[in-house]
Amino acid sequence: MRLYAVVAAGGFRRYATYRTATAAGVFTNTVFGFILAYTYIALWDARPQLGGYDMSQALAYVWIGQGLLAACAMMGGGFEDELMERIRTGDIAVDLYRPADLQLWWLAGDLGRAAFQLIGRGVVPMLAGALAFDIALPGSAWIWPAFLLSVLLGIVVSFAVRYLVALSAFWLLDGAGATQMAWLLGLFFSGMLLPLPLFPGLLGEVARMLPWSSLLQIPADVYLGKHTGWGLVEAYAFQGAWAVALLLAGRLLQTVATRRVVVQGG
């Protein structure tokens, strides 16, 4: 485990070196946060309590989304491009023969990246939103660790989805299309554009059952105190079940791909 801790720390340091990109990201998240916030204000003025959220909760939702956008890599920007390039060039064969688990290696690095993005690009936009708008704050101190645990589970789910997408490069000539499809689905079904309770009928029910709801909708609802007691346990179980299922699917696909590399190499 020490090896993967070192990889995670390396992932954190790697992204910490891009200071200009981080500053640009903070600025972009903050600007888009203000645009979305005023859009939500207009919408909630016309429809108070829309989706079961009051105005302050809706505004908090906006800024939580901006805080988690980069951490959960909802628009890409994680490890997947690098992994797909290694698959395309054949360098992945070297990785498969290393005395380290491929999936855990990339997971550790992505957790380090996510930790930096959460601190470097997440905190400032949320503080800006809290200063500029009357946003809902947690009613008790225990909600903060509950929220962070939900965020961690969401990051793992995000990694698992993107790992599957990256491994598709073993069979596709170009994984760019799969990557773009994944982040479009992530933006829509995570609740980044609108909270999922606003989705009508069957679409809303399906959206809440998909893995992408773990990235934003569930952590935001935990922050807003909508999951408490047994409901909080169920929310964690939902995120955890998707994380395990997707990680196992990634491991299965990795095994198939490894056999393919071995056969071709032989």
Protein backbone atom coordinates (compact mmCIF):
# COMPACT_ATOMS: atom_id res chain seq x y z
CA MET A 1 0.00 0.00 0.00
CA ARG A 2 2.95 2.30 0.56
CA LEU A 3 3.66 2.24 -3.18
CA TYR A 4 0.16 3.49 -4.01
CA ALA A 5 0.36 6.16 -1.31
CA VAL A 6 3.54 7.42 -2.98
CA VAL A 7 1.78 7.37 -6.38
CA ALA A 8 -1.14 9.36 -4.92
CA ALA A 9 1.24 11.91 -3.42
CA GLY A 10 2.99 12.14 -6.78
CA GLY A 11 -0.34 12.78 -8.50
CA PHE A 12 -1.04 15.61 -6.06
CA ARG A 13 2.39 17.20 -6.63
CA ARG A 14 2.12 16.79 -10.39
CA TYR A 15 -1.04 18.87 -10.65
CA ALA A 16 0.19 21.33 -8.02
CA THR A 17 2.96 22.39 -10.41
CA TYR A 18 0.44 23.80 -12.92
CA ARG A 19 -0.18 27.03 -11.02
CA THR A 20 -1.26 29.11 -14.01
CA ALA A 21 -3.70 26.43 -15.17
CA THR A 22 -5.08 26.15 -11.64
CA ALA A 23 -5.60 29.91 -11.40
CA ALA A 24 -7.34 29.91 -14.79
CA GLY A 25 -9.52 27.03 -13.66
CA VAL A 26 -10.49 28.80 -10.45
CA PHE A 27 -11.40 31.92 -12.43
CA THR A 28 -13.46 29.91 -14.94
CA ASN A 29 -15.31 27.96 -12.24
CA THR A 30 -16.09 31.17 -10.37
CA VAL A 31 -17.38 32.99 -13.47
CA PHE A 32 -19.58 30.08 -14.51
CA GLY A 33 -20.73 29.79 -10.91
CA PHE A 34 -21.99 33.37 -11.01
CA ILE A 35 -23.73 32.77 -14.35
CA LEU A 36 -25.46 29.65 -13.05
CA ALA A 37 -26.28 31.29 -9.73
CA TYR A 38 -28.15 34.18 -11.37
CA THR A 39 -29.88 31.72 -13.70
CA TYR A 40 -31.01 29.70 -10.69
CA ILE A 41 -32.17 32.88 -8.92
CA ALA A 42 -34.40 33.73 -11.87
CA LEU A 43 -35.72 30.18 -12.03
CA TRP A 44 -36.40 29.89 -8.30
CA ASP A 45 -38.02 33.34 -8.21
CA ALA A 46 -40.53 32.00 -10.71
CA ARG A 47 -40.83 28.56 -9.11
CA PRO A 48 -40.04 28.67 -5.37
CA GLN A 49 -39.21 25.30 -3.76
CA LEU A 50 -38.55 23.80 -7.19
CA GLY A 51 -37.37 20.21 -6.83
CA GLY A 52 -37.71 20.46 -3.06
CA TYR A 53 -34.93 23.06 -2.75
CA ASP A 54 -35.37 26.56 -1.44
CA MET A 55 -33.38 29.45 -2.91
CA SER A 56 -30.41 29.17 -0.54
CA GLN A 57 -30.19 25.41 -1.10
CA ALA A 58 -30.33 25.85 -4.87
CA LEU A 59 -27.50 28.39 -4.72
CA ALA A 60 -25.46 26.08 -2.51
CA TYR A 61 -26.02 23.34 -5.08
CA VAL A 62 -24.56 25.60 -7.79
CA TRP A 63 -21.36 26.26 -5.90
CA ILE A 64 -20.95 22.66 -4.75
CA GLY A 65 -21.12 21.72 -8.42
CA GLN A 66 -18.40 24.22 -9.30
CA GLY A 67 -16.30 22.92 -6.42
CA LEU A 68 -16.59 19.29 -7.55
CA LEU A 69 -16.42 19.84 -11.33
CA ALA A 70 -12.65 19.34 -11.59
CA ALA A 71 -12.26 16.99 -8.63
CA CYS A 72 -14.71 14.50 -10.16
CA ALA A 73 -13.35 15.19 -13.67
CA MET A 74 -16.87 15.65 -15.04
CA MET A 75 -15.39 17.23 -18.17
CA GLY A 76 -12.34 15.00 -18.33
CA GLY A 77 -8.88 16.23 -17.45
CA GLY A 78 -7.86 13.14 -15.51
CA PHE A 79 -5.67 10.18 -16.35
CA GLU A 80 -7.69 8.75 -19.23
CA ASP A 81 -5.97 10.58 -22.10
CA GLU A 82 -2.55 9.47 -20.90
CA LEU A 83 -3.66 5.86 -20.43
CA MET A 84 -5.26 5.73 -23.88
CA GLU A 85 -2.10 7.14 -25.43
CA ARG A 86 -0.02 4.43 -23.74
CA ILE A 87 -2.41 1.82 -25.10
CA ARG A 88 -2.22 3.32 -28.60
CA THR A 89 1.57 3.39 -28.65
CA GLY A 90 1.99 -0.03 -27.05
CA ASP A 91 3.74 1.35 -23.94
CA ILE A 92 0.97 -0.26 -21.89
CA ALA A 93 2.81 -3.58 -22.31
CA VAL A 94 5.56 -2.25 -20.04
CA ASP A 95 2.97 -1.20 -17.45
CA LEU A 96 1.36 -4.65 -17.44
CA TYR A 97 4.68 -6.31 -16.61
CA ARG A 98 5.44 -4.01 -13.70
CA PRO A 99 5.13 -5.47 -10.16
CA ALA A 100 2.13 -3.22 -9.45
CA ASP A 101 -1.58 -3.53 -10.10
CA LEU A 102 -2.48 -1.43 -13.14
CA GLN A 103 -5.92 -0.38 -11.88
CA LEU A 104 -4.72 0.50 -8.37
CA TRP A 105 -1.78 2.44 -9.85
CA TRP A 106 -4.04 4.69 -11.90
CA LEU A 107 -6.60 4.94 -9.10
CA ALA A 108 -3.96 6.13 -6.65
CA GLY A 109 -2.70 8.74 -9.10
CA ASP A 110 -6.23 9.93 -9.80
CA LEU A 111 -7.02 10.24 -6.09
CA GLY A 112 -3.97 12.48 -5.72
CA ARG A 113 -5.15 14.58 -8.67
CA ALA A 114 -8.66 14.81 -7.24
CA ALA A 115 -7.36 15.86 -3.82
CA PHE A 116 -5.45 18.74 -5.35
CA GLN A 117 -8.34 19.79 -7.59
CA LEU A 118 -10.72 19.74 -4.64
CA ILE A 119 -8.42 22.05 -2.68
CA GLY A 120 -6.93 24.06 -5.53
CA ARG A 121 -10.03 24.56 -7.69
CA GLY A 122 -12.87 23.72 -5.34
CA VAL A 123 -12.45 25.77 -2.18
CA VAL A 124 -12.08 29.24 -3.72
CA PRO A 125 -15.23 29.11 -5.91
CA MET A 126 -17.29 27.84 -2.96
CA LEU A 127 -15.94 30.63 -0.75
CA ALA A 128 -16.71 33.18 -3.48
CA GLY A 129 -20.24 31.85 -3.72
CA ALA A 130 -20.70 31.94 0.05
CA LEU A 131 -19.53 35.56 0.19
CA ALA A 132 -21.59 36.76 -2.78
CA PHE A 133 -24.84 34.87 -2.18
CA ASP A 134 -26.99 33.68 0.66
CA ILE A 135 -26.25 29.98 0.31
CA ALA A 136 -27.36 27.23 2.66
CA LEU A 137 -24.73 26.05 5.13
CA PRO A 138 -24.66 22.70 6.94
CA GLY A 139 -26.88 22.65 10.00
CA SER A 140 -24.33 20.73 12.11
CA ALA A 141 -20.62 20.00 12.12
CA TRP A 142 -21.01 16.26 11.40
CA ILE A 143 -22.35 17.03 7.94
CA TRP A 144 -18.90 18.13 6.75
CA PRO A 145 -17.17 14.72 7.20
CA ALA A 146 -20.32 13.01 5.86
CA PHE A 147 -20.13 15.26 2.80
CA LEU A 148 -16.41 14.61 2.26
CA LEU A 149 -16.94 10.85 2.47
CA SER A 150 -19.67 11.09 -0.16
CA VAL A 151 -17.33 13.18 -2.33
CA LEU A 152 -14.61 10.52 -1.99
CA LEU A 153 -17.03 7.80 -3.09
CA GLY A 154 -18.10 9.98 -6.02
CA ILE A 155 -14.47 10.42 -7.08
CA VAL A 156 -13.94 6.64 -7.04
CA VAL A 157 -17.07 6.13 -9.15
CA SER A 158 -15.82 8.78 -11.58
CA PHE A 159 -12.45 7.02 -11.82
CA ALA A 160 -14.11 3.65 -12.44
CA VAL A 161 -16.20 5.04 -15.30
CA ARG A 162 -13.23 6.77 -16.90
CA TYR A 163 -11.04 3.67 -16.47
CA LEU A 164 -13.56 1.64 -18.47
CA VAL A 165 -13.61 4.33 -21.14
CA ALA A 166 -9.81 4.40 -21.30
CA LEU A 167 -9.57 0.63 -21.64
CA SER A 168 -11.88 0.78 -24.64
CA ALA A 169 -8.82 2.03 -26.55
CA PHE A 170 -7.64 -1.60 -26.70
CA TRP A 171 -10.43 -2.22 -29.22
CA LEU A 172 -11.13 1.22 -30.70
CA LEU A 173 -8.83 2.97 -33.13
CA ASP A 174 -9.43 6.25 -31.31
CA GLY A 175 -10.88 6.64 -27.83
CA ALA A 176 -11.72 10.34 -28.25
CA GLY A 177 -15.33 9.62 -29.16
CA ALA A 178 -15.86 7.39 -26.14
CA THR A 179 -14.26 10.01 -23.90
CA GLN A 180 -16.48 12.82 -25.18
CA MET A 181 -19.58 10.65 -24.83
CA ALA A 182 -18.62 9.81 -21.25
CA TRP A 183 -18.17 13.41 -20.13
CA LEU A 184 -21.36 14.54 -21.88
CA LEU A 185 -23.30 11.84 -20.04
CA GLY A 186 -21.48 12.79 -16.85
CA LEU A 187 -22.41 16.47 -17.13
CA PHE A 188 -26.06 15.69 -17.82
CA PHE A 189 -26.72 12.81 -15.44
CA SER A 190 -24.57 14.04 -12.55
CA GLY A 191 -26.94 16.98 -12.06
CA MET A 192 -24.39 19.60 -13.10
CA LEU A 193 -26.83 21.34 -15.44
CA LEU A 194 -29.91 20.95 -13.23
CA PRO A 195 -30.57 18.96 -10.04
CA LEU A 196 -31.85 15.51 -10.93
CA PRO A 197 -35.12 15.92 -8.95
CA LEU A 198 -36.11 18.47 -11.61
CA PHE A 199 -35.97 15.83 -14.35
CA PRO A 200 -39.51 14.74 -15.23
CA GLY A 201 -41.04 11.30 -14.77
CA LEU A 202 -39.15 8.24 -15.90
CA LEU A 203 -36.13 10.28 -17.01
CA GLY A 204 -35.65 11.53 -13.46
CA GLU A 205 -36.00 8.07 -11.97
CA VAL A 206 -33.49 6.60 -14.40
CA ALA A 207 -31.06 9.51 -13.93
CA ARG A 208 -31.03 9.04 -10.15
CA MET A 209 -30.20 5.34 -10.57
CA LEU A 210 -27.22 5.87 -12.89
CA PRO A 211 -23.65 6.01 -11.52
CA TRP A 212 -23.15 9.66 -12.47
CA SER A 213 -25.58 10.79 -9.77
CA SER A 214 -22.83 9.79 -7.31
CA LEU A 215 -20.59 12.57 -8.61
CA LEU A 216 -22.67 15.60 -7.62
CA GLN A 217 -26.31 14.96 -6.81
CA ILE A 218 -25.73 12.67 -3.84
CA PRO A 219 -22.83 14.64 -2.28
CA ALA A 220 -24.84 17.87 -2.66
CA ASP A 221 -27.87 16.32 -1.00
CA VAL A 222 -25.67 15.05 1.84
CA TYR A 223 -24.32 18.59 2.28
CA LEU A 224 -27.87 19.98 2.29
CA GLY A 225 -28.96 17.50 4.95
CA LYS A 226 -31.37 15.60 2.71
CA HIS A 227 -29.72 12.27 3.59
CA THR A 228 -29.64 11.60 7.31
CA GLY A 229 -29.75 8.49 9.46
CA TRP A 230 -30.61 5.39 7.47
CA GLY A 231 -31.06 7.52 4.35
CA LEU A 232 -27.38 8.52 4.59
CA VAL A 233 -26.37 4.86 4.86
CA GLU A 234 -28.44 4.09 1.77
CA ALA A 235 -26.77 6.95 -0.12
CA TYR A 236 -23.32 5.61 0.78
CA ALA A 237 -24.41 2.08 -0.15
CA PHE A 238 -25.59 3.31 -3.55
CA GLN A 239 -22.29 5.04 -4.26
CA GLY A 240 -20.27 2.14 -2.89
CA ALA A 241 -22.20 -0.44 -4.92
CA TRP A 242 -21.59 1.46 -8.14
CA ALA A 243 -17.92 1.92 -7.26
CA VAL A 244 -17.44 -1.81 -6.62
CA ALA A 245 -19.42 -2.88 -9.69
CA LEU A 246 -17.56 -0.53 -12.02
CA LEU A 247 -14.15 -1.33 -10.56
CA LEU A 248 -14.84 -5.05 -10.99
CA ALA A 249 -15.96 -4.42 -14.57
CA GLY A 250 -12.72 -2.50 -15.15
CA ARG A 251 -10.68 -5.33 -13.67
CA LEU A 252 -12.45 -7.86 -15.91
CA LEU A 253 -11.83 -5.71 -18.99
CA GLN A 254 -8.23 -5.24 -17.89
CA THR A 255 -7.78 -9.01 -17.63
CA VAL A 256 -9.18 -9.55 -21.13
CA ALA A 257 -6.94 -6.80 -22.50
CA THR A 258 -3.89 -8.22 -20.72
CA ARG A 259 -4.44 -11.63 -22.29
CA ARG A 260 -4.74 -9.95 -25.66
CA VAL A 261 -1.42 -8.13 -25.17
CA VAL A 262 0.28 -11.34 -24.02
CA VAL A 263 -1.03 -13.29 -27.02
CA GLN A 264 0.03 -10.58 -29.47
CA GLY A 265 3.39 -10.24 -27.74
CA GLY A 266 3.93 -13.98 -27.93
